[in-house]
Every structure is written in C-alpha cells, then in structure tokens.
Amino acid sequence: MRALVTGGAGFIGSHLIDRLVARGENVVVLDNLSSGDLAFIQHHLDTGRATLVEGDLCSLEDVMGAMALGIDTVYHLAANPDIRLGTRVTDTDLRQGTVATYNVLEAMRLHEVKRIAFASSSVVYGEGAPMPTPEHHGPCMPISLYGASKQAGEGLISSWVGTFGLQAYIFRFANIIGARGTHGVIFDFIHKLKADPTRLEVLGNGLQEKSYMEVGDCVDAILHVMDHSDAPLNLFNLGSHDTASVRQIAEIVVEVTGCTNAAIEYTGGDRGWAGDVPKAMLAIDKMLATGANVRMNSAEAIRHTAKVLLEEIGLE
C-alpha cells in the first residue's frame, strides 16, 4: 500500500506518517514546507519508507506529479494553519483550502485514485450549534473564512464521491494539540511567557470553551474509523469527551512553565478574534461506536502538550 499525505511534514501529518509507516505502508509526502518541518519526518525519509515531493497544492501540476507515484489512499491534511490570517489576506483559505482540495480531487480522478481522507473541522458548524454537536446538525453556517473553505472542501469531496465513484472519509476535528505543535493557544501562551514571565495576555474573556484532542488520539481514530467504516461517504466528528476553557489553559500553562507569579490579563470580549467560535464541543458517539477510543480528556491533553512543547522549545 502507498499513501499520499498532503501536509505530511506538518503537525498532524507527521504523526499520521509515523502510524502509517508502523503499519508497513509506504508514504509519499506532498508539502511546500511553508509551515511543516522536515525534522518531523526525516527518519522516515532516511529509511526510504517515505518519499518527499516538495510542491504546492495550489499547482495542479505539482499534485499530479505526486499522484502519479502509485497512490492507493490520499490523506488530505494540508491547509492554511492560521485561521486569523484569513481576516487579513482574504483569499488565503480560498487558495490553500478550496482550490487545493479541488486540485487533489482532480489529480485523483485523472490517476484513478479512489480513496481519500479529509481533515475538516468543527468550525464548519458555525456559531450557536447544540453542544455536543452531532454530525447531522445543519445547516452548517461557518463564520470564518477557514470554516467556509473546509465546508467547500467537504462539498467538493461529496460531489466527487457521487460523480466519479470515490470513497471518502471526512473528519471534523476538535482542537488537535500535542507534540510538534507549531501554532495554537498553548504554543502562543508558552512563547508569551518566554518573552515576559510576569504577564500573560489572553485574548477574550477566558470563558471560551472547546474540546481538545491529543494528536496521537486523533490519528489513531482516523485509521481505526477507516478500518471499520466502509460506506462510499463517511462523516465523523473526532474529539474528546469534554471541554476546557481558555482560562483553564492559561492556568495550566502558567503552572507547567513555572511562571506562577505571572498575572493573567484578559483583553475582554466573548471571543479571541473575528471568526472565532467561542464555545464548541463535538458529539463523538459515532466515532466511539466504531471501537475508537480517546486516551486523554481535554485537560490531560493540554497539560501533556504544554510539557512536550516546553521540551521541544528548549525551555524545560
């Protein structure tokens, strides 16, 4: 078996490649290295179990080159990693999300690759969805450009399933955190405390509340669901059993970093930035029904992440 992982040098992609290689699969990595890190996958490249194609998903030619290498399954994880960037450069998610996903699907059609897993997001549900939110909730009305691009990607994929006979797995992620993280609230808090150990600025009022899933749990769930669900189009939420507030995250990071005298200061308002959904929790009953499990709850995943990122940054 040979898998293509878009964004494979990135946070979630590199963990997925670890699992795929451990299962005996060969992997082609398509990444432009704009936010990924080759160090995450270099050992797989060195052993020959993974092959890097440095290319841009916004180029159909680049995607076609990777797809020509005998691919059985595509794991499409690449996307703009910074949701807030879309508020300043408004075509970012259109290009790196919607157009990139079209290029992946078109290259699959042309090379007769029939199986895809897609990293979508809880943000497609928008604001005001019931908590926990089931997969059948709708209509989905995202409030961020990132969320709109994910919803567009889902629509393109379902249309390729219906028109060209693909089999697809769409995974709506909660907030995925863990080792090798290069952005996000925990990463930001650690760097803020590194710059000033006496003060931690928190965007919003700290009452924002979301589910957090450790990245190992996430990639294990992806592979488990794909092994145990075989419909033409499969839609699953992936998340944890509970939520944590931004205030809790700030307190955990302050404790783990040892900056216990830091003053936690809130900028106010019910959200961190335009397009942020302040409260979100996914229903994961469908995922659990396949036999998939979650080892860490939100607080455990946050504490684990703070510790491993401290070690990776070199502050431990």
Foldseek 3Di string as FASTA:
>chain_A
DEEEEEVLQADLNLLLLVVCVVVVYAYEYEYLVPPGDCVSCVVCVVVRSYHYQNDALLDLVSLLVSLLPDHQEYEYEWAPPDQVVCVVVVCRRVRRFQSSLVSNLVSCLVSVHAEYEYEAALQQQDADADPQHEPPDDDRDHQTSNSVSRVNSVVVVVVCCVPVVHAYEYEHEWAEFAARDDDDDLNVQLVVCVVPLAAGEDAADQAQKTFYAYSNLVSVLVVLCVVQDDDSYHYAYDTADGMDTSNLLNCLLNVLLVSVNHDYHYPHDQARDRRGHRYYHHDHPVSVVSVRDGPDTRSRSSNNRSNNVCVVVPSD
